[in-house]
């Protein structure tokens, strides 16, 4: 009797954990649509998290035998699982490649989920009474759909694994080509991908066992993979997108500046920073800045590296930090977060990190120390 009570309690606790996990993952996804200056990665995060969260909730409802109350949701988690594969690939790729082209041949990864979902459509449009009788859903007299549905039933997770493996392979190639700092960033993402891969493999492995409790536990393990990645990304938004294109080995030993007046280019670059204040644009890239100078990203990168001994990120952050120093002293009505955004930083955490590295103290500490020095900095921002 005690054994049955213990199992019942374990099932109950795990069910509530899955409900909470599915809801929170979905909320995380919806929250991605309300961030300032929404980017493609936010749309993919929304689609991935909501698909994953809803798939968990639908699976849980079905496992609790709620089919008669909600026959409309029967097996809807399969299309959601199928789309998680390419969504995972694009989201993780955008974490390490800020300028990854969305409209690329990799969009073909969405074809299998679209095709298989279309093939499942006849089942989803069946009357509720018929759907309940077809449990599992591959119980159909149509030989073609029986084979197709059987394939989906046993291979939806395999498609997800294939997309994760594709990302790991592609990111691994980039990992080999990058310098130490870049490689570290890519390695962290690859590690998260491997953890997800392991969680899915664990789920597939426990499917060979009749225990529903173990199967649900494996799903909960995959949920646990989401939260550390999400909160780490939110606290360190510049960590993943900090791979400086201009530091790639392919820019070394270049001769693309033959015939270019680098002094004149540096002068125009300083005007863009000091007068135009382009550093306040938190989406400023090597490509957009080089376009304004009439150069290629390759050429601008070489000038920054060879003439100034820096890269775009450090160069631009120098202006941002100097501007922030001035605003912290002269604008006591503005919060640190407002100053961070006004100076071009994408988040408070990235501002604090860059400011501390430059000055050895936090922005708040700097403001407190220099609060009485209203005219400490000149109005011009000097070249870092």
Protein backbone atom coordinates (compact mmCIF):
# COMPACT_ATOMS: atom_id res chain seq x y z
CA UNK A 1 0.00 0.00 0.00
CA UNK A 2 2.78 2.41 0.90
CA UNK A 3 4.49 1.65 -2.42
CA UNK A 4 1.36 2.64 -4.35
CA UNK A 5 0.98 5.80 -2.26
CA UNK A 6 4.62 6.69 -2.94
CA UNK A 7 4.20 6.14 -6.70
CA UNK A 8 0.99 8.20 -6.74
CA UNK A 9 2.73 11.04 -4.91
CA UNK A 10 5.69 10.87 -7.31
CA UNK A 11 3.36 11.02 -10.33
CA UNK A 12 1.45 13.94 -8.83
CA UNK A 13 4.57 15.95 -8.03
CA UNK A 14 6.08 15.25 -11.45
CA UNK A 15 2.84 16.19 -13.21
CA UNK A 16 2.78 19.54 -11.43
CA UNK A 17 6.43 20.09 -12.26
CA UNK A 18 5.71 19.41 -15.93
CA UNK A 19 2.70 21.73 -15.90
CA UNK A 20 4.77 24.48 -14.29
CA UNK A 21 7.70 23.86 -16.62
CA UNK A 22 5.54 23.87 -19.76
CA UNK A 23 3.81 27.10 -18.70
CA UNK A 24 7.05 28.87 -17.74
CA UNK A 25 8.81 27.83 -20.96
CA UNK A 26 5.83 29.17 -22.96
CA UNK A 27 5.89 32.42 -20.96
CA UNK A 28 9.60 32.79 -21.67
CA UNK A 29 8.81 32.47 -25.38
CA UNK A 30 5.98 35.01 -25.27
CA UNK A 31 8.22 37.40 -23.35
CA UNK A 32 10.66 37.41 -26.27
CA UNK A 33 8.08 39.39 -28.27
CA UNK A 34 8.14 42.24 -25.75
CA UNK A 35 11.86 42.98 -25.54
CA UNK A 36 13.13 46.39 -26.68
CA UNK A 37 14.37 46.43 -30.28
CA UNK A 38 13.14 43.00 -31.24
CA UNK A 39 15.46 40.99 -33.50
CA UNK A 40 15.13 37.80 -35.57
CA UNK A 41 16.55 35.75 -32.71
CA UNK A 42 13.65 36.87 -30.50
CA UNK A 43 11.11 35.52 -33.01
CA UNK A 44 12.89 32.18 -33.14
CA UNK A 45 13.11 32.09 -29.34
CA UNK A 46 9.36 32.78 -29.16
CA UNK A 47 8.53 30.05 -31.67
CA UNK A 48 10.89 27.50 -30.10
CA UNK A 49 9.85 28.05 -26.47
CA UNK A 50 6.11 28.21 -27.14
CA UNK A 51 6.24 25.11 -29.36
CA UNK A 52 8.24 23.22 -26.75
CA UNK A 53 6.09 24.41 -23.84
CA UNK A 54 2.79 23.63 -25.57
CA UNK A 55 4.05 20.22 -26.69
CA UNK A 56 4.80 19.38 -23.04
CA UNK A 57 1.37 20.55 -21.85
CA UNK A 58 -0.49 18.67 -24.62
CA UNK A 59 1.49 15.49 -24.00
CA UNK A 60 0.79 15.74 -20.27
CA UNK A 61 -2.94 16.27 -20.84
CA UNK A 62 -3.04 13.23 -23.10
CA UNK A 63 -1.05 11.10 -20.63
CA UNK A 64 -3.60 11.99 -17.94
CA UNK A 65 -6.33 10.57 -20.19
CA UNK A 66 -8.05 13.89 -20.78
CA UNK A 67 -8.86 12.83 -24.36
CA UNK A 68 -12.62 12.81 -23.87
CA UNK A 69 -12.65 16.35 -22.50
CA UNK A 70 -10.30 17.77 -25.17
CA UNK A 71 -10.20 15.44 -28.19
CA UNK A 72 -9.16 18.40 -30.35
CA UNK A 73 -5.64 18.37 -28.91
CA UNK A 74 -4.96 14.68 -29.51
CA UNK A 75 -1.41 14.23 -30.84
CA UNK A 76 -0.97 17.93 -31.61
CA UNK A 77 2.35 17.71 -29.82
CA UNK A 78 3.84 15.82 -32.77
CA UNK A 79 3.82 18.82 -35.20
CA UNK A 80 5.14 21.02 -32.40
CA UNK A 81 8.01 18.57 -31.78
CA UNK A 82 8.78 18.43 -35.51
CA UNK A 83 9.14 22.21 -35.76
CA UNK A 84 11.32 22.37 -32.66
CA UNK A 85 14.17 20.88 -34.73
CA UNK A 86 14.73 23.69 -37.29
CA UNK A 87 13.74 26.32 -34.73
CA UNK A 88 16.45 24.99 -32.43
CA UNK A 89 19.00 25.16 -35.26
CA UNK A 90 18.20 28.79 -36.17
CA UNK A 91 17.98 30.00 -32.57
CA UNK A 92 21.29 28.47 -31.50
CA UNK A 93 22.99 29.58 -34.71
CA UNK A 94 21.86 33.17 -34.15
CA UNK A 95 23.31 33.01 -30.63
CA UNK A 96 26.81 32.70 -32.08
CA UNK A 97 26.28 34.42 -35.45
CA UNK A 98 24.54 37.74 -35.06
CA UNK A 99 24.44 38.32 -38.82
CA UNK A 100 23.48 34.77 -39.83
CA UNK A 101 21.30 35.10 -42.96
CA UNK A 102 17.75 34.00 -42.16
CA UNK A 103 16.91 33.61 -45.84
CA UNK A 104 19.44 30.91 -46.54
CA UNK A 105 19.38 27.32 -47.84
CA UNK A 106 18.96 26.25 -44.22
CA UNK A 107 15.29 27.24 -44.51
CA UNK A 108 14.94 23.87 -46.24
CA UNK A 109 15.10 22.38 -42.73
CA UNK A 110 11.47 23.43 -42.32
CA UNK A 111 10.32 21.31 -45.27
CA UNK A 112 10.16 17.94 -43.41
CA UNK A 113 8.06 19.37 -40.51
CA UNK A 114 5.77 21.16 -42.97
CA UNK A 115 5.34 18.05 -45.11
CA UNK A 116 4.72 15.70 -42.18
CA UNK A 117 2.30 18.15 -40.55
CA UNK A 118 0.38 18.42 -43.82
CA UNK A 119 0.18 14.63 -43.95
CA UNK A 120 -1.22 14.59 -40.40
CA UNK A 121 -3.90 17.14 -41.30
CA UNK A 122 -6.52 14.49 -42.29
CA UNK A 123 -6.30 13.03 -38.79
CA UNK A 124 -6.61 16.42 -37.08
CA UNK A 125 -9.77 17.22 -39.07
CA UNK A 126 -11.45 13.95 -38.15
CA UNK A 127 -14.56 14.19 -35.91
CA UNK A 128 -13.74 13.98 -32.22
CA UNK A 129 -15.42 10.59 -31.80
CA UNK A 130 -13.35 9.11 -34.64
CA UNK A 131 -10.11 10.56 -33.27
CA UNK A 132 -10.73 9.00 -29.88
CA UNK A 133 -11.18 5.62 -31.52
CA UNK A 134 -7.85 6.04 -33.35
CA UNK A 135 -5.52 5.85 -30.36
CA UNK A 136 -2.70 5.51 -31.22
CA UNK A 137 -3.32 7.66 -34.27
CA UNK A 138 -1.61 5.27 -36.71
CA UNK A 139 -4.55 2.86 -36.21
CA UNK A 140 -6.05 3.53 -39.63
CA UNK A 141 -7.23 1.28 -42.41
CA UNK A 142 -5.47 3.42 -45.00
CA UNK A 143 -2.17 1.66 -45.69
CA UNK A 144 -0.40 4.85 -46.83
CA UNK A 145 -1.34 6.91 -43.78
CA UNK A 146 -0.61 3.98 -41.51
CA UNK A 147 3.00 3.94 -42.71
CA UNK A 148 3.32 7.74 -42.57
CA UNK A 149 1.81 8.04 -39.10
CA UNK A 150 3.91 5.17 -37.82
CA UNK A 151 7.01 6.96 -39.12
CA UNK A 152 5.99 10.19 -37.36
CA UNK A 153 5.16 8.34 -34.16
CA UNK A 154 8.62 6.81 -33.95
CA UNK A 155 10.78 9.51 -35.57
CA UNK A 156 9.61 12.97 -34.48
CA UNK A 157 12.41 13.14 -31.91
CA UNK A 158 14.89 11.81 -34.49
CA UNK A 159 14.26 14.86 -36.67
CA UNK A 160 14.97 17.08 -33.67
CA UNK A 161 18.18 15.19 -32.98
CA UNK A 162 19.25 15.57 -36.63
CA UNK A 163 18.86 19.36 -36.42
CA UNK A 164 20.81 19.51 -33.16
CA UNK A 165 23.58 17.41 -34.70
CA UNK A 166 23.67 19.70 -37.74
CA UNK A 167 24.13 22.70 -35.47
CA UNK A 168 26.85 20.99 -33.42
CA UNK A 169 28.71 19.98 -36.58
CA UNK A 170 28.46 23.45 -38.15
CA UNK A 171 29.38 25.24 -34.91
CA UNK A 172 32.24 22.80 -34.39
CA UNK A 173 33.76 23.80 -37.73
CA UNK A 174 33.63 27.44 -36.68
CA UNK A 175 35.06 26.55 -33.27
CA UNK A 176 38.18 25.17 -34.94
CA UNK A 177 38.75 28.34 -36.96
CA UNK A 178 38.29 30.92 -34.20
CA UNK A 179 40.78 32.53 -31.89
CA UNK A 180 40.71 31.70 -28.16
CA UNK A 181 38.10 34.22 -27.01
CA UNK A 182 35.77 33.47 -29.91
CA UNK A 183 36.20 29.72 -29.45
CA UNK A 184 35.19 30.00 -25.80
CA UNK A 185 31.88 31.64 -26.71
CA UNK A 186 31.09 29.05 -29.36
CA UNK A 187 32.09 26.20 -27.06
CA UNK A 188 29.56 27.30 -24.42
CA UNK A 189 26.73 27.15 -26.95
CA UNK A 190 27.92 23.79 -28.31
CA UNK A 191 27.92 22.51 -24.73
CA UNK A 192 24.30 23.58 -24.25
CA UNK A 193 23.39 21.90 -27.55
CA UNK A 194 25.08 18.67 -26.46
CA UNK A 195 23.12 18.78 -23.19
CA UNK A 196 19.86 19.11 -25.12
CA UNK A 197 20.98 16.28 -27.40
CA UNK A 198 21.66 14.11 -24.36
CA UNK A 199 18.25 14.94 -22.85
CA UNK A 200 16.47 13.89 -26.06
CA UNK A 201 18.51 10.69 -26.25
CA UNK A 202 17.54 9.98 -22.64
CA UNK A 203 13.87 10.42 -23.57
CA UNK A 204 14.23 8.04 -26.53
CA UNK A 205 16.00 5.49 -24.36
CA UNK A 206 13.35 5.47 -21.63
CA UNK A 207 10.65 4.91 -24.26
CA UNK A 208 11.84 1.30 -24.32
CA UNK A 209 10.61 1.02 -20.74
CA UNK A 210 6.91 0.82 -19.84
CA UNK A 211 7.26 3.28 -16.94
CA UNK A 212 5.33 6.50 -17.62
CA UNK A 213 7.00 8.01 -14.56
CA UNK A 214 10.48 7.62 -16.04
CA UNK A 215 9.27 8.98 -19.39
CA UNK A 216 7.91 12.10 -17.73
CA UNK A 217 11.10 12.45 -15.75
CA UNK A 218 13.08 12.48 -18.99
CA UNK A 219 10.85 15.29 -20.31
CA UNK A 220 11.44 17.25 -17.11
CA UNK A 221 15.19 16.86 -17.63
CA UNK A 222 14.85 18.52 -21.05
CA UNK A 223 12.92 21.39 -19.42
CA UNK A 224 15.77 21.90 -16.98
CA UNK A 225 18.08 22.56 -19.96
CA UNK A 226 16.07 25.65 -20.94
CA UNK A 227 16.39 27.75 -17.80
CA UNK A 228 20.20 27.94 -17.38
CA UNK A 229 20.61 28.85 -21.05
CA UNK A 230 17.86 31.47 -20.93
CA UNK A 231 19.02 33.21 -17.76
CA UNK A 232 22.68 33.02 -18.77
CA UNK A 233 21.81 34.64 -22.09
CA UNK A 234 19.73 37.38 -20.43
CA UNK A 235 22.48 38.20 -17.94
CA UNK A 236 25.23 38.10 -20.58
CA UNK A 237 23.61 39.23 -23.84
CA UNK A 238 26.88 40.36 -25.37
CA UNK A 239 28.66 37.10 -24.53
CA UNK A 240 27.18 35.13 -27.41
CA UNK A 241 27.21 37.87 -30.02
CA UNK A 242 30.67 39.15 -29.15
CA UNK A 243 32.53 37.17 -31.80
CA UNK A 244 34.32 39.99 -33.63
CA UNK A 245 34.21 39.38 -37.35
CA UNK A 246 37.14 41.68 -37.84
CA UNK A 247 39.45 39.44 -35.80
CA UNK A 248 39.06 36.45 -38.06
CA UNK A 249 42.28 35.00 -39.46
CA UNK A 250 41.19 35.71 -42.99
CA UNK A 251 41.77 39.43 -42.37
CA UNK A 252 45.39 39.01 -41.43
CA UNK A 253 48.17 40.02 -43.82
CA UNK A 254 45.70 41.76 -46.14
CA UNK A 255 46.69 44.16 -48.88
CA UNK A 256 43.19 45.56 -49.48
CA UNK A 257 44.17 49.06 -48.33
CA UNK A 258 46.46 49.75 -51.26
CA UNK A 259 45.54 53.19 -52.62
CA UNK A 260 43.47 54.16 -49.56
CA UNK A 261 44.22 57.25 -47.48
CA UNK A 262 43.99 55.69 -44.04
CA UNK A 263 44.59 59.01 -42.25
CA UNK A 264 41.63 60.55 -44.04
CA UNK A 265 39.51 57.49 -43.27
CA UNK A 266 40.42 57.65 -39.57
CA UNK A 267 39.52 61.34 -39.56
CA UNK A 268 36.09 60.62 -41.07
CA UNK A 269 35.62 57.75 -38.66
CA UNK A 270 36.23 60.03 -35.69
CA UNK A 271 33.74 62.55 -37.08
CA UNK A 272 31.11 59.82 -37.29
CA UNK A 273 31.77 58.91 -33.68
CA UNK A 274 32.23 62.37 -32.14
CA UNK A 275 29.85 64.50 -34.22
CA UNK A 276 27.31 61.97 -35.45
CA UNK A 277 27.53 59.85 -32.30
CA UNK A 278 27.06 56.59 -34.16
CA UNK A 279 28.23 54.75 -31.06
CA UNK A 280 24.75 55.33 -29.55
CA UNK A 281 23.35 52.78 -32.02
CA UNK A 282 23.48 49.47 -30.13
CA UNK A 283 23.07 47.59 -33.42
CA UNK A 284 26.09 49.22 -35.05
CA UNK A 285 28.01 46.58 -37.01
CA UNK A 286 31.22 46.41 -38.96
CA UNK A 287 29.18 46.21 -42.17
CA UNK A 288 26.96 49.25 -41.47
CA UNK A 289 29.91 51.40 -40.34
CA UNK A 290 32.10 50.41 -43.29
CA UNK A 291 29.24 51.27 -45.67
CA UNK A 292 29.15 54.81 -44.28
CA UNK A 293 32.88 55.13 -44.91
CA UNK A 294 32.70 53.70 -48.42
CA UNK A 295 34.83 50.72 -47.41
CA UNK A 296 34.40 47.00 -47.22
CA UNK A 297 34.17 45.39 -43.77
CA UNK A 298 37.52 43.78 -44.58
CA UNK A 299 39.18 47.16 -45.13
CA UNK A 300 37.72 48.82 -42.04
CA UNK A 301 38.74 45.83 -39.94
CA UNK A 302 42.31 46.09 -41.18
CA UNK A 303 42.48 49.81 -40.38
CA UNK A 304 41.22 49.25 -36.83
CA UNK A 305 43.61 46.37 -36.26
CA UNK A 306 46.74 47.76 -37.92
CA UNK A 307 46.45 51.48 -37.15
CA UNK A 308 44.66 51.49 -33.80
CA UNK A 309 45.45 48.00 -32.50
CA UNK A 310 41.82 47.33 -31.62
CA UNK A 311 38.60 45.88 -32.98
CA UNK A 312 35.21 47.42 -33.60
CA UNK A 313 33.70 46.35 -30.29
CA UNK A 314 36.49 47.85 -28.17
CA UNK A 315 36.73 50.93 -30.38
CA UNK A 316 33.01 51.77 -30.13
CA UNK A 317 32.80 50.89 -26.44
CA UNK A 318 35.55 53.42 -25.77
CA UNK A 319 33.28 56.23 -26.95
CA UNK A 320 30.32 54.77 -25.08
CA UNK A 321 32.24 54.61 -21.81
CA UNK A 322 33.51 58.19 -22.14
CA UNK A 323 29.98 59.38 -22.90
CA UNK A 324 28.64 57.43 -19.93
CA UNK A 325 31.25 58.96 -17.59
CA UNK A 326 30.08 62.42 -18.56
CA UNK A 327 26.37 61.60 -18.24
CA UNK A 328 26.83 59.91 -14.86
CA UNK A 329 28.31 63.16 -13.51
CA UNK A 330 26.12 65.68 -15.29
CA UNK A 331 22.73 63.92 -15.43
CA UNK A 332 21.83 62.79 -11.89
CA UNK A 333 18.16 62.58 -12.91
CA UNK A 334 18.90 59.69 -15.27
CA UNK A 335 19.17 56.12 -14.01
CA UNK A 336 22.17 53.94 -14.81
CA UNK A 337 19.99 51.85 -17.15
CA UNK A 338 18.80 54.95 -19.04
CA UNK A 339 22.39 56.11 -19.45
CA UNK A 340 23.42 52.65 -20.66
CA UNK A 341 20.76 52.70 -23.39
CA UNK A 342 21.49 56.34 -24.33
CA UNK A 343 25.17 55.50 -24.80
CA UNK A 344 24.46 52.55 -27.07
CA UNK A 345 24.66 49.54 -24.76
CA UNK A 346 22.06 46.85 -25.25
CA UNK A 347 21.63 45.98 -21.58
CA UNK A 348 22.64 47.04 -18.09
CA UNK A 349 24.78 43.93 -17.60
CA UNK A 350 26.87 44.60 -20.72
CA UNK A 351 27.26 48.25 -19.67
CA UNK A 352 28.39 47.30 -16.16
CA UNK A 353 30.87 44.77 -17.53
CA UNK A 354 32.43 47.16 -20.08
CA UNK A 355 32.47 50.08 -17.63
CA UNK A 356 34.11 48.03 -14.88
CA UNK A 357 36.77 46.73 -17.26
CA UNK A 358 37.58 50.27 -18.36
CA UNK A 359 37.48 52.10 -15.03
CA UNK A 360 37.87 49.42 -12.38
CA UNK A 361 34.57 50.34 -10.73
CA UNK A 362 30.84 50.09 -11.38
CA UNK A 363 28.88 52.98 -12.95
CA UNK A 364 27.10 53.59 -9.63
CA UNK A 365 30.39 53.75 -7.77
CA UNK A 366 31.79 56.13 -10.40
CA UNK A 367 28.75 58.41 -10.09
CA UNK A 368 29.04 58.46 -6.30
CA UNK A 369 32.77 59.22 -6.42
CA UNK A 370 32.43 62.02 -8.98
CA UNK A 371 29.03 63.38 -7.97
CA UNK A 372 30.53 66.68 -6.83
CA UNK A 373 32.64 67.17 -9.93
CA UNK A 374 30.08 68.61 -12.34
CA UNK A 375 32.54 69.76 -14.94
CA UNK A 376 35.15 67.03 -14.78
CA UNK A 377 34.82 65.98 -18.44
CA UNK A 378 34.86 68.19 -21.47
CA UNK A 379 31.96 68.16 -23.86
CA UNK A 380 34.01 66.43 -26.57
CA UNK A 381 34.56 62.68 -26.37
CA UNK A 382 38.18 61.84 -27.04
CA UNK A 383 39.32 59.01 -29.22
CA UNK A 384 39.89 55.94 -27.01
